[in-house]
All heavy atoms as atom14 arrays in JSON, in Angstrom:
{
  "sequence": "RPKIDIERIGEKNLIKVFIPEAPEGIKPVYFKNEGLPRGAYRRIGSSD",
  "atom14_mask": [
    [1, 1, 1, 1, 1, 1, 1, 1, 1, 1, 1, 0, 0, 0],
    [1, 1, 1, 1, 1, 1, 1, 0, 0, 0, 0, 0, 0, 0],
    [1, 1, 1, 1, 1, 1, 1, 1, 1, 0, 0, 0, 0, 0],
    [1, 1, 1, 1, 1, 1, 1, 1, 0, 0, 0, 0, 0, 0],
    [1, 1, 1, 1, 1, 1, 1, 1, 0, 0, 0, 0, 0, 0],
    [1, 1, 1, 1, 1, 1, 1, 1, 0, 0, 0, 0, 0, 0],
    [1, 1, 1, 1, 1, 1, 1, 1, 1, 0, 0, 0, 0, 0],
    [1, 1, 1, 1, 1, 1, 1, 1, 1, 1, 1, 0, 0, 0],
    [1, 1, 1, 1, 1, 1, 1, 1, 0, 0, 0, 0, 0, 0],
    [1, 1, 1, 1, 0, 0, 0, 0, 0, 0, 0, 0, 0, 0],
    [1, 1, 1, 1, 1, 1, 1, 1, 1, 0, 0, 0, 0, 0],
    [1, 1, 1, 1, 1, 1, 1, 1, 1, 0, 0, 0, 0, 0],
    [1, 1, 1, 1, 1, 1, 1, 1, 0, 0, 0, 0, 0, 0],
    [1, 1, 1, 1, 1, 1, 1, 1, 0, 0, 0, 0, 0, 0],
    [1, 1, 1, 1, 1, 1, 1, 1, 0, 0, 0, 0, 0, 0],
    [1, 1, 1, 1, 1, 1, 1, 1, 1, 0, 0, 0, 0, 0],
    [1, 1, 1, 1, 1, 1, 1, 0, 0, 0, 0, 0, 0, 0],
    [1, 1, 1, 1, 1, 1, 1, 1, 1, 1, 1, 0, 0, 0],
    [1, 1, 1, 1, 1, 1, 1, 1, 0, 0, 0, 0, 0, 0],
    [1, 1, 1, 1, 1, 1, 1, 0, 0, 0, 0, 0, 0, 0],
    [1, 1, 1, 1, 1, 1, 1, 1, 1, 0, 0, 0, 0, 0],
    [1, 1, 1, 1, 1, 0, 0, 0, 0, 0, 0, 0, 0, 0],
    [1, 1, 1, 1, 1, 1, 1, 0, 0, 0, 0, 0, 0, 0],
    [1, 1, 1, 1, 1, 1, 1, 1, 1, 0, 0, 0, 0, 0],
    [1, 1, 1, 1, 0, 0, 0, 0, 0, 0, 0, 0, 0, 0],
    [1, 1, 1, 1, 1, 1, 1, 1, 0, 0, 0, 0, 0, 0],
    [1, 1, 1, 1, 1, 1, 1, 1, 1, 0, 0, 0, 0, 0],
    [1, 1, 1, 1, 1, 1, 1, 0, 0, 0, 0, 0, 0, 0],
    [1, 1, 1, 1, 1, 1, 1, 0, 0, 0, 0, 0, 0, 0],
    [1, 1, 1, 1, 1, 1, 1, 1, 1, 1, 1, 1, 0, 0],
    [1, 1, 1, 1, 1, 1, 1, 1, 1, 1, 1, 0, 0, 0],
    [1, 1, 1, 1, 1, 1, 1, 1, 1, 0, 0, 0, 0, 0],
    [1, 1, 1, 1, 1, 1, 1, 1, 0, 0, 0, 0, 0, 0],
    [1, 1, 1, 1, 1, 1, 1, 1, 1, 0, 0, 0, 0, 0],
    [1, 1, 1, 1, 0, 0, 0, 0, 0, 0, 0, 0, 0, 0],
    [1, 1, 1, 1, 1, 1, 1, 1, 0, 0, 0, 0, 0, 0],
    [1, 1, 1, 1, 1, 1, 1, 0, 0, 0, 0, 0, 0, 0],
    [1, 1, 1, 1, 1, 1, 1, 1, 1, 1, 1, 0, 0, 0],
    [1, 1, 1, 1, 0, 0, 0, 0, 0, 0, 0, 0, 0, 0],
    [1, 1, 1, 1, 1, 0, 0, 0, 0, 0, 0, 0, 0, 0],
    [1, 1, 1, 1, 1, 1, 1, 1, 1, 1, 1, 1, 0, 0],
    [1, 1, 1, 1, 1, 1, 1, 1, 1, 1, 1, 0, 0, 0],
    [1, 1, 1, 1, 1, 1, 1, 1, 1, 1, 1, 0, 0, 0],
    [1, 1, 1, 1, 1, 1, 1, 1, 0, 0, 0, 0, 0, 0],
    [1, 1, 1, 1, 0, 0, 0, 0, 0, 0, 0, 0, 0, 0],
    [1, 1, 1, 1, 1, 1, 0, 0, 0, 0, 0, 0, 0, 0],
    [1, 1, 1, 1, 1, 1, 0, 0, 0, 0, 0, 0, 0, 0],
    [1, 1, 1, 1, 1, 1, 1, 1, 0, 0, 0, 0, 0, 0]
  ],
  "atom14_positions": [
    [[-85.2, 235.91, -88.1], [-84.5, 235.97, -89.38], [-84.25, 234.56, -89.9], [-83.26, 233.91, -89.58], [-83.16, 236.7, -89.23], [-83.3, 238.12, -88.73], [-84.02, 239.0, -89.72], [-84.06, 240.38, -89.23], [-84.95, 241.25, -89.6], [-85.88, 240.92, -90.46], [-84.93, 242.47, -89.12], [0.0, 0.0, 0.0], [0.0, 0.0, 0.0], [0.0, 0.0, 0.0]],
    [[-85.18, 234.05, -90.72], [-85.01, 232.69, -91.25], [-83.93, 232.63, -92.32], [-83.65, 233.63, -92.99], [-86.39, 232.38, -91.84], [-86.93, 233.7, -92.22], [-86.41, 234.68, -91.2], [0.0, 0.0, 0.0], [0.0, 0.0, 0.0], [0.0, 0.0, 0.0], [0.0, 0.0, 0.0], [0.0, 0.0, 0.0], [0.0, 0.0, 0.0], [0.0, 0.0, 0.0]],
    [[-83.33, 231.46, -92.48], [-82.39, 231.23, -93.57], [-83.17, 230.49, -94.65], [-83.64, 229.37, -94.43], [-81.21, 230.4, -93.09], [-80.14, 230.21, -94.14], [-78.96, 229.43, -93.57], [-77.83, 229.28, -94.55], [-78.17, 228.81, -95.86], [0.0, 0.0, 0.0], [0.0, 0.0, 0.0], [0.0, 0.0, 0.0], [0.0, 0.0, 0.0], [0.0, 0.0, 0.0]],
    [[-83.36, 231.13, -95.8], [-84.23, 230.61, -96.85], [-83.39, 230.26, -98.08], [-82.61, 231.08, -98.55], [-85.3, 231.64, -97.23], [-86.1, 232.06, -96.0], [-86.22, 231.08, -98.31], [-87.04, 233.23, -96.23], [0.0, 0.0, 0.0], [0.0, 0.0, 0.0], [0.0, 0.0, 0.0], [0.0, 0.0, 0.0], [0.0, 0.0, 0.0], [0.0, 0.0, 0.0]],
    [[-83.57, 229.04, -98.59], [-82.89, 228.58, -99.8], [-83.9, 227.95, -100.74], [-84.8, 227.24, -100.3], [-81.82, 227.53, -99.48], [-80.69, 228.07, -98.64], [-80.14, 229.12, -99.01], [-80.35, 227.43, -97.62], [0.0, 0.0, 0.0], [0.0, 0.0, 0.0], [0.0, 0.0, 0.0], [0.0, 0.0, 0.0], [0.0, 0.0, 0.0], [0.0, 0.0, 0.0]],
    [[-83.72, 228.2, -102.05], [-84.52, 227.53, -103.07], [-83.64, 226.45, -103.68], [-82.5, 226.72, -104.07], [-84.99, 228.5, -104.17], [-85.89, 229.57, -103.57], [-85.71, 227.75, -105.27], [-86.33, 230.63, -104.56], [0.0, 0.0, 0.0], [0.0, 0.0, 0.0], [0.0, 0.0, 0.0], [0.0, 0.0, 0.0], [0.0, 0.0, 0.0], [0.0, 0.0, 0.0]],
    [[-84.16, 225.25, -103.71], [-83.43, 224.14, -104.33], [-84.36, 223.43, -105.3], [-85.57, 223.44, -105.12], [-82.91, 223.18, -103.26], [-81.89, 223.81, -102.33], [-81.32, 222.84, -101.31], [-81.29, 221.62, -101.58], [-80.91, 223.31, -100.24], [0.0, 0.0, 0.0], [0.0, 0.0, 0.0], [0.0, 0.0, 0.0], [0.0, 0.0, 0.0], [0.0, 0.0, 0.0]],
    [[-83.77, 222.82, -106.3], [-84.56, 222.11, -107.31], [-84.41, 220.6, -107.13], [-83.31, 220.11, -106.92], [-84.12, 222.5, -108.71], [-84.52, 223.91, -109.07], [-84.17, 224.28, -110.49], [-84.91, 223.59, -111.51], [-86.13, 223.93, -111.93], [-86.74, 224.96, -111.38], [-86.72, 223.27, -112.89], [0.0, 0.0, 0.0], [0.0, 0.0, 0.0], [0.0, 0.0, 0.0]],
    [[-85.53, 219.93, -107.23], [-85.55, 218.47, -107.33], [-86.3, 218.17, -108.61], [-87.5, 218.48, -108.71], [-86.2, 217.81, -106.1], [-85.32, 218.02, -104.89], [-86.46, 216.34, -106.37], [-85.73, 217.27, -103.65], [0.0, 0.0, 0.0], [0.0, 0.0, 0.0], [0.0, 0.0, 0.0], [0.0, 0.0, 0.0], [0.0, 0.0, 0.0], [0.0, 0.0, 0.0]],
    [[-85.6, 217.63, -109.57], [-86.2, 217.44, -110.89], [-86.49, 218.8, -111.49], [-85.64, 219.66, -111.58], [0.0, 0.0, 0.0], [0.0, 0.0, 0.0], [0.0, 0.0, 0.0], [0.0, 0.0, 0.0], [0.0, 0.0, 0.0], [0.0, 0.0, 0.0], [0.0, 0.0, 0.0], [0.0, 0.0, 0.0], [0.0, 0.0, 0.0], [0.0, 0.0, 0.0]],
    [[-87.73, 218.99, -111.89], [-88.16, 220.26, -112.49], [-88.89, 221.16, -111.49], [-89.47, 222.15, -111.87], [-89.08, 219.98, -113.68], [-88.4, 219.26, -114.82], [-87.29, 220.1, -115.44], [-87.52, 221.3, -115.69], [-86.19, 219.56, -115.65], [0.0, 0.0, 0.0], [0.0, 0.0, 0.0], [0.0, 0.0, 0.0], [0.0, 0.0, 0.0], [0.0, 0.0, 0.0]],
    [[-88.88, 220.78, -110.22], [-89.67, 221.49, -109.22], [-88.8, 222.31, -108.28], [-87.78, 221.84, -107.81], [-90.5, 220.48, -108.44], [-91.48, 219.72, -109.32], [-92.16, 218.63, -108.55], [-93.21, 217.97, -109.38], [-92.71, 217.11, -110.39], [0.0, 0.0, 0.0], [0.0, 0.0, 0.0], [0.0, 0.0, 0.0], [0.0, 0.0, 0.0], [0.0, 0.0, 0.0]],
    [[-89.26, 223.53, -108.01], [-88.6, 224.39, -107.02], [-89.19, 224.1, -105.65], [-90.41, 224.14, -105.47], [-88.84, 225.87, -107.35], [-88.03, 226.34, -108.52], [-86.88, 225.94, -108.69], [-88.61, 227.18, -109.34], [0.0, 0.0, 0.0], [0.0, 0.0, 0.0], [0.0, 0.0, 0.0], [0.0, 0.0, 0.0], [0.0, 0.0, 0.0], [0.0, 0.0, 0.0]],
    [[-88.31, 223.84, -104.69], [-88.72, 223.66, -103.31], [-88.01, 224.72, -102.48], [-86.92, 225.18, -102.84], [-88.32, 222.27, -102.79], [-88.9, 221.08, -103.54], [-88.36, 219.79, -102.96], [-90.41, 221.08, -103.5], [0.0, 0.0, 0.0], [0.0, 0.0, 0.0], [0.0, 0.0, 0.0], [0.0, 0.0, 0.0], [0.0, 0.0, 0.0], [0.0, 0.0, 0.0]],
    [[-88.63, 225.1, -101.4], [-88.03, 226.09, -100.51], [-87.69, 225.42, -99.19], [-88.55, 224.79, -98.56], [-88.97, 227.29, -100.28], [-89.26, 227.99, -101.61], [-88.36, 228.26, -99.28], [-90.24, 229.13, -101.51], [0.0, 0.0, 0.0], [0.0, 0.0, 0.0], [0.0, 0.0, 0.0], [0.0, 0.0, 0.0], [0.0, 0.0, 0.0], [0.0, 0.0, 0.0]],
    [[-86.43, 225.57, -98.8], [-85.96, 225.07, -97.51], [-85.77, 226.27, -96.6], [-85.05, 227.21, -96.95], [-84.64, 224.31, -97.68], [-84.03, 223.85, -96.36], [-82.7, 223.17, -96.58], [-81.63, 224.2, -96.85], [-80.28, 223.66, -96.92], [0.0, 0.0, 0.0], [0.0, 0.0, 0.0], [0.0, 0.0, 0.0], [0.0, 0.0, 0.0], [0.0, 0.0, 0.0]],
    [[-86.42, 226.24, -95.45], [-86.34, 227.34, -94.5], [-85.78, 226.79, -93.19], [-86.31, 225.83, -92.65], [-87.74, 227.95, -94.23], [-87.64, 229.11, -93.27], [-88.42, 228.35, -95.52], [0.0, 0.0, 0.0], [0.0, 0.0, 0.0], [0.0, 0.0, 0.0], [0.0, 0.0, 0.0], [0.0, 0.0, 0.0], [0.0, 0.0, 0.0], [0.0, 0.0, 0.0]],
    [[-84.71, 227.41, -92.71], [-84.19, 227.05, -91.39], [-84.54, 228.18, -90.43], [-84.21, 229.34, -90.67], [-82.68, 226.83, -91.4], [-82.15, 226.51, -90.02], [-82.38, 225.27, -89.46], [-81.46, 227.45, -89.28], [-81.93, 224.96, -88.19], [-81.0, 227.17, -88.0], [-81.24, 225.92, -87.46], [0.0, 0.0, 0.0], [0.0, 0.0, 0.0], [0.0, 0.0, 0.0]],
    [[-85.22, 227.82, -89.36], [-85.59, 228.77, -88.31], [-84.68, 228.52, -87.12], [-84.73, 227.45, -86.52], [-87.07, 228.6, -87.88], [-88.02, 228.68, -89.06], [-87.43, 229.6, -86.78], [-88.03, 229.99, -89.79], [0.0, 0.0, 0.0], [0.0, 0.0, 0.0], [0.0, 0.0, 0.0], [0.0, 0.0, 0.0], [0.0, 0.0, 0.0], [0.0, 0.0, 0.0]],
    [[-83.81, 229.47, -86.77], [-82.91, 229.26, -85.63], [-83.65, 229.39, -84.31], [-84.66, 230.1, -84.21], [-81.88, 230.37, -85.79], [-82.6, 231.45, -86.53], [-83.59, 230.76, -87.42], [0.0, 0.0, 0.0], [0.0, 0.0, 0.0], [0.0, 0.0, 0.0], [0.0, 0.0, 0.0], [0.0, 0.0, 0.0], [0.0, 0.0, 0.0], [0.0, 0.0, 0.0]],
    [[-83.14, 228.71, -83.3], [-83.69, 228.87, -81.95], [-83.33, 230.26, -81.45], [-82.2, 230.73, -81.63], [-83.1, 227.81, -81.02], [-83.64, 227.89, -79.6], [-83.08, 226.8, -78.69], [-82.54, 225.8, -79.19], [-83.17, 226.98, -77.46], [0.0, 0.0, 0.0], [0.0, 0.0, 0.0], [0.0, 0.0, 0.0], [0.0, 0.0, 0.0], [0.0, 0.0, 0.0]],
    [[-84.28, 230.93, -80.85], [-84.05, 232.28, -80.32], [-83.13, 232.2, -79.1], [-83.17, 231.23, -78.34], [-85.37, 232.93, -79.94], [0.0, 0.0, 0.0], [0.0, 0.0, 0.0], [0.0, 0.0, 0.0], [0.0, 0.0, 0.0], [0.0, 0.0, 0.0], [0.0, 0.0, 0.0], [0.0, 0.0, 0.0], [0.0, 0.0, 0.0], [0.0, 0.0, 0.0]],
    [[-82.3, 233.23, -78.89], [-81.45, 233.26, -77.69], [-82.29, 233.3, -76.42], [-83.42, 233.77, -76.42], [-80.65, 234.56, -77.85], [-80.75, 234.92, -79.28], [-82.05, 234.36, -79.77], [0.0, 0.0, 0.0], [0.0, 0.0, 0.0], [0.0, 0.0, 0.0], [0.0, 0.0, 0.0], [0.0, 0.0, 0.0], [0.0, 0.0, 0.0], [0.0, 0.0, 0.0]],
    [[-81.72, 232.8, -75.33], [-82.42, 232.72, -74.04], [-83.06, 234.04, -73.6], [-84.18, 234.06, -73.14], [-81.47, 232.23, -72.94], [-81.13, 230.77, -73.03], [-82.32, 229.87, -72.82], [-83.17, 230.16, -71.95], [-82.41, 228.87, -73.54], [0.0, 0.0, 0.0], [0.0, 0.0, 0.0], [0.0, 0.0, 0.0], [0.0, 0.0, 0.0], [0.0, 0.0, 0.0]],
    [[-82.38, 235.14, -73.75], [-82.89, 236.42, -73.28], [-84.06, 236.96, -74.09], [-84.75, 237.88, -73.66], [0.0, 0.0, 0.0], [0.0, 0.0, 0.0], [0.0, 0.0, 0.0], [0.0, 0.0, 0.0], [0.0, 0.0, 0.0], [0.0, 0.0, 0.0], [0.0, 0.0, 0.0], [0.0, 0.0, 0.0], [0.0, 0.0, 0.0], [0.0, 0.0, 0.0]],
    [[-84.31, 236.39, -75.25], [-85.38, 236.87, -76.13], [-86.64, 236.02, -75.99], [-87.74, 236.48, -76.25], [-84.88, 236.88, -77.59], [-83.79, 237.92, -77.74], [-86.01, 237.14, -78.57], [-83.15, 237.97, -79.1], [0.0, 0.0, 0.0], [0.0, 0.0, 0.0], [0.0, 0.0, 0.0], [0.0, 0.0, 0.0], [0.0, 0.0, 0.0], [0.0, 0.0, 0.0]],
    [[-86.5, 234.78, -75.55], [-87.65, 233.88, -75.44], [-88.56, 234.33, -74.32], [-88.08, 234.86, -73.32], [-87.18, 232.45, -75.15], [-86.48, 231.8, -76.3], [-86.1, 230.4, -75.88], [-85.22, 229.73, -76.87], [-84.84, 228.4, -76.44], [0.0, 0.0, 0.0], [0.0, 0.0, 0.0], [0.0, 0.0, 0.0], [0.0, 0.0, 0.0], [0.0, 0.0, 0.0]],
    [[-89.84, 234.11, -74.42], [-90.55, 233.44, -75.5], [-90.86, 234.39, -76.65], [-91.17, 235.56, -76.46], [-91.83, 232.97, -74.84], [-92.09, 233.97, -73.77], [-90.73, 234.4, -73.29], [0.0, 0.0, 0.0], [0.0, 0.0, 0.0], [0.0, 0.0, 0.0], [0.0, 0.0, 0.0], [0.0, 0.0, 0.0], [0.0, 0.0, 0.0], [0.0, 0.0, 0.0]],
    [[-90.77, 233.84, -77.85], [-91.22, 234.55, -79.05], [-92.73, 234.33, -79.12], [-93.21, 233.21, -78.89], [-90.53, 233.99, -80.31], [-91.1, 234.58, -81.57], [-89.03, 234.22, -80.22], [0.0, 0.0, 0.0], [0.0, 0.0, 0.0], [0.0, 0.0, 0.0], [0.0, 0.0, 0.0], [0.0, 0.0, 0.0], [0.0, 0.0, 0.0], [0.0, 0.0, 0.0]],
    [[-93.48, 235.39, -79.43], [-94.94, 235.24, -79.49], [-95.52, 236.23, -80.5], [-94.87, 237.21, -80.88], [-95.58, 235.46, -78.11], [-95.29, 236.79, -77.48], [-96.13, 237.89, -77.68], [-94.17, 236.97, -76.66], [-95.85, 239.12, -77.1], [-93.9, 238.19, -76.08], [-94.74, 239.26, -76.31], [-94.47, 240.48, -75.74], [0.0, 0.0, 0.0], [0.0, 0.0, 0.0]],
    [[-96.74, 235.93, -80.95], [-97.44, 236.81, -81.87], [-97.8, 238.09, -81.12], [-98.46, 238.04, -80.07], [-98.72, 236.14, -82.4], [-98.46, 235.04, -83.39], [-98.3, 233.73, -82.97], [-98.38, 235.32, -84.74], [-98.07, 232.72, -83.88], [-98.14, 234.31, -85.66], [-97.99, 233.0, -85.24], [0.0, 0.0, 0.0], [0.0, 0.0, 0.0], [0.0, 0.0, 0.0]],
    [[-97.38, 239.23, -81.65], [-97.61, 240.52, -80.99], [-99.08, 240.78, -80.72], [-99.44, 241.28, -79.67], [-97.07, 241.67, -81.85], [-95.61, 241.87, -81.8], [-95.19, 243.19, -82.4], [-95.22, 243.16, -83.9], [-94.55, 244.31, -84.51], [0.0, 0.0, 0.0], [0.0, 0.0, 0.0], [0.0, 0.0, 0.0], [0.0, 0.0, 0.0], [0.0, 0.0, 0.0]],
    [[-99.94, 240.45, -81.67], [-101.35, 240.78, -81.54], [-102.09, 239.88, -80.55], [-103.23, 240.15, -80.23], [-102.04, 240.77, -82.9], [-102.04, 239.41, -83.56], [-101.29, 238.52, -83.16], [-102.86, 239.25, -84.56], [0.0, 0.0, 0.0], [0.0, 0.0, 0.0], [0.0, 0.0, 0.0], [0.0, 0.0, 0.0], [0.0, 0.0, 0.0], [0.0, 0.0, 0.0]],
    [[-101.44, 238.82, -80.05], [-102.11, 237.91, -79.11], [-101.53, 237.97, -77.71], [-102.19, 237.59, -76.76], [-102.05, 236.47, -79.63], [-102.87, 236.27, -80.88], [-102.85, 234.84, -81.34], [-102.81, 233.92, -80.49], [-102.87, 234.64, -82.56], [0.0, 0.0, 0.0], [0.0, 0.0, 0.0], [0.0, 0.0, 0.0], [0.0, 0.0, 0.0], [0.0, 0.0, 0.0]],
    [[-100.28, 238.38, -77.58], [-99.65, 238.45, -76.26], [-99.34, 237.08, -75.68], [-99.43, 236.06, -76.36], [0.0, 0.0, 0.0], [0.0, 0.0, 0.0], [0.0, 0.0, 0.0], [0.0, 0.0, 0.0], [0.0, 0.0, 0.0], [0.0, 0.0, 0.0], [0.0, 0.0, 0.0], [0.0, 0.0, 0.0], [0.0, 0.0, 0.0], [0.0, 0.0, 0.0]],
    [[-98.98, 237.09, -74.39], [-98.63, 235.85, -73.69], [-99.76, 235.41, -72.79], [-100.48, 236.25, -72.26], [-97.38, 236.07, -72.84], [-96.07, 236.19, -73.59], [-94.95, 236.55, -72.62], [-95.74, 234.91, -74.31], [0.0, 0.0, 0.0], [0.0, 0.0, 0.0], [0.0, 0.0, 0.0], [0.0, 0.0, 0.0], [0.0, 0.0, 0.0], [0.0, 0.0, 0.0]],
    [[-99.97, 234.14, -72.58], [-99.29, 232.99, -73.17], [-99.89, 232.57, -74.51], [-99.34, 231.76, -75.22], [-99.5, 231.9, -72.13], [-100.84, 232.2, -71.53], [-100.91, 233.72, -71.53], [0.0, 0.0, 0.0], [0.0, 0.0, 0.0], [0.0, 0.0, 0.0], [0.0, 0.0, 0.0], [0.0, 0.0, 0.0], [0.0, 0.0, 0.0], [0.0, 0.0, 0.0]],
    [[-101.05, 233.11, -74.85], [-101.81, 232.66, -76.02], [-101.04, 232.73, -77.33], [-101.19, 231.89, -78.2], [-103.1, 233.47, -76.11], [-104.03, 233.01, -77.19], [-105.41, 233.63, -77.02], [-106.27, 233.25, -78.11], [-106.82, 232.07, -78.28], [-106.58, 231.12, -77.41], [-107.59, 231.82, -79.31], [0.0, 0.0, 0.0], [0.0, 0.0, 0.0], [0.0, 0.0, 0.0]],
    [[-100.18, 233.71, -77.5], [-99.49, 233.91, -78.76], [-98.18, 233.18, -78.9], [-97.52, 233.27, -79.94], [0.0, 0.0, 0.0], [0.0, 0.0, 0.0], [0.0, 0.0, 0.0], [0.0, 0.0, 0.0], [0.0, 0.0, 0.0], [0.0, 0.0, 0.0], [0.0, 0.0, 0.0], [0.0, 0.0, 0.0], [0.0, 0.0, 0.0], [0.0, 0.0, 0.0]],
    [[-97.76, 232.41, -77.88], [-96.5, 231.67, -77.94], [-96.75, 230.2, -78.22], [-97.76, 229.64, -77.78], [-95.75, 231.83, -76.62], [0.0, 0.0, 0.0], [0.0, 0.0, 0.0], [0.0, 0.0, 0.0], [0.0, 0.0, 0.0], [0.0, 0.0, 0.0], [0.0, 0.0, 0.0], [0.0, 0.0, 0.0], [0.0, 0.0, 0.0], [0.0, 0.0, 0.0]],
    [[-95.83, 229.58, -78.93], [-95.94, 228.16, -79.28], [-94.64, 227.45, -78.97], [-93.57, 228.06, -79.01], [-96.27, 227.98, -80.77], [-97.68, 228.38, -81.1], [-98.02, 229.71, -81.28], [-98.68, 227.43, -81.2], [-99.31, 230.08, -81.56], [-99.98, 227.8, -81.49], [-100.29, 229.13, -81.67], [-101.58, 229.5, -81.94], [0.0, 0.0, 0.0], [0.0, 0.0, 0.0]],
    [[-94.74, 226.15, -78.68], [-93.58, 225.28, -78.49], [-93.69, 224.1, -79.45], [-94.78, 223.73, -79.85], [-93.53, 224.75, -77.05], [-93.2, 225.82, -76.04], [-92.99, 225.25, -74.67], [-91.86, 224.32, -74.69], [-91.57, 223.52, -73.67], [-92.32, 223.52, -72.58], [-90.54, 222.71, -73.73], [0.0, 0.0, 0.0], [0.0, 0.0, 0.0], [0.0, 0.0, 0.0]],
    [[-92.55, 223.53, -79.79], [-92.51, 222.36, -80.67], [-92.45, 221.11, -79.8], [-91.46, 220.85, -79.13], [-91.28, 222.44, -81.58], [-91.21, 221.34, -82.62], [-92.22, 221.56, -83.7], [-92.07, 220.55, -84.74], [-92.77, 220.51, -85.83], [-93.69, 221.44, -86.05], [-92.59, 219.58, -86.73], [0.0, 0.0, 0.0], [0.0, 0.0, 0.0], [0.0, 0.0, 0.0]],
    [[-93.53, 220.35, -79.8], [-93.61, 219.12, -79.03], [-93.8, 217.98, -80.04], [-94.86, 217.87, -80.67], [-94.78, 219.14, -78.02], [-94.75, 220.4, -77.16], [-94.79, 217.87, -77.18], [-93.52, 220.56, -76.29], [0.0, 0.0, 0.0], [0.0, 0.0, 0.0], [0.0, 0.0, 0.0], [0.0, 0.0, 0.0], [0.0, 0.0, 0.0], [0.0, 0.0, 0.0]],
    [[-92.78, 217.16, -80.2], [-92.83, 216.11, -81.22], [-92.94, 216.76, -82.59], [-92.18, 217.65, -82.93], [0.0, 0.0, 0.0], [0.0, 0.0, 0.0], [0.0, 0.0, 0.0], [0.0, 0.0, 0.0], [0.0, 0.0, 0.0], [0.0, 0.0, 0.0], [0.0, 0.0, 0.0], [0.0, 0.0, 0.0], [0.0, 0.0, 0.0], [0.0, 0.0, 0.0]],
    [[-93.93, 216.34, -83.37], [-94.12, 216.91, -84.71], [-95.24, 217.94, -84.74], [-95.74, 218.28, -85.79], [-94.42, 215.79, -85.71], [-95.63, 215.14, -85.37], [0.0, 0.0, 0.0], [0.0, 0.0, 0.0], [0.0, 0.0, 0.0], [0.0, 0.0, 0.0], [0.0, 0.0, 0.0], [0.0, 0.0, 0.0], [0.0, 0.0, 0.0], [0.0, 0.0, 0.0]],
    [[-95.62, 218.44, -83.56], [-96.73, 219.4, -83.52], [-96.31, 220.72, -82.88], [-95.35, 220.77, -82.11], [-97.91, 218.81, -82.76], [-97.59, 218.67, -81.39], [0.0, 0.0, 0.0], [0.0, 0.0, 0.0], [0.0, 0.0, 0.0], [0.0, 0.0, 0.0], [0.0, 0.0, 0.0], [0.0, 0.0, 0.0], [0.0, 0.0, 0.0], [0.0, 0.0, 0.0]],
    [[-97.06, 221.75, -83.2], [-96.87, 223.07, -82.62], [-97.96, 223.25, -81.57], [-99.14, 223.25, -81.9], [-96.99, 224.16, -83.69], [-96.03, 223.92, -84.84], [-94.9, 223.49, -84.59], [-96.42, 224.15, -86.0], [0.0, 0.0, 0.0], [0.0, 0.0, 0.0], [0.0, 0.0, 0.0], [0.0, 0.0, 0.0], [0.0, 0.0, 0.0], [0.0, 0.0, 0.0]]
  ]
}
């Protein structure tokens, strides 16, 4: 459940999305159609 906000800078609409960290008991989050481990990702530095 992302927190989504639209904000304006000048004449442009930008979207800010905050993705909360999942609770311990729910992790890992993964793509249903790929399963584990292939469908799960971690944030390492600025990359997924």
